[in-house]
């Protein structure tokens, strides 16, 4: 059995609409039904709101609740992962965002990372991002 964990950080900054966040999560749950890894979903804006994290497995429906709404910062995600002992050998991280954060981040050596953008790849503020950049849903 796989012990790899998947951490999904969901941007809840003011620039992300509730609809965008919900659509992203719904798509993710569908996508992840075929994986049996443990999913940990954590909201963030300028900080990581780990008091609202949810662990789910096998695509069970997750409870969506808005807990944030400030600015966006990605650095707290990487700092949080390091504190949890997360690294490339035991986890994969996905950051769901509209891309509007800072230009540089220190990933602490973490490379198993996917940036899932609700906008377009060119909207990601981070220059030379580590990991893969993909568009989850084009903004209508």
Foldseek 3Di string as FASTA:
>chain_A
DAAAEEEEEEELAQVQDPVLRVVLVVLVLVVCLVPFYKYKYWYDACATPNVPIDIDGNSDDDDDDRDDHHHHEDQNVLVVCVVVVHAPVRYAYEYEEQQPYAADYDNVHHQRYEYEHCDDQVSHNHDPDGYYYYHSHHDD
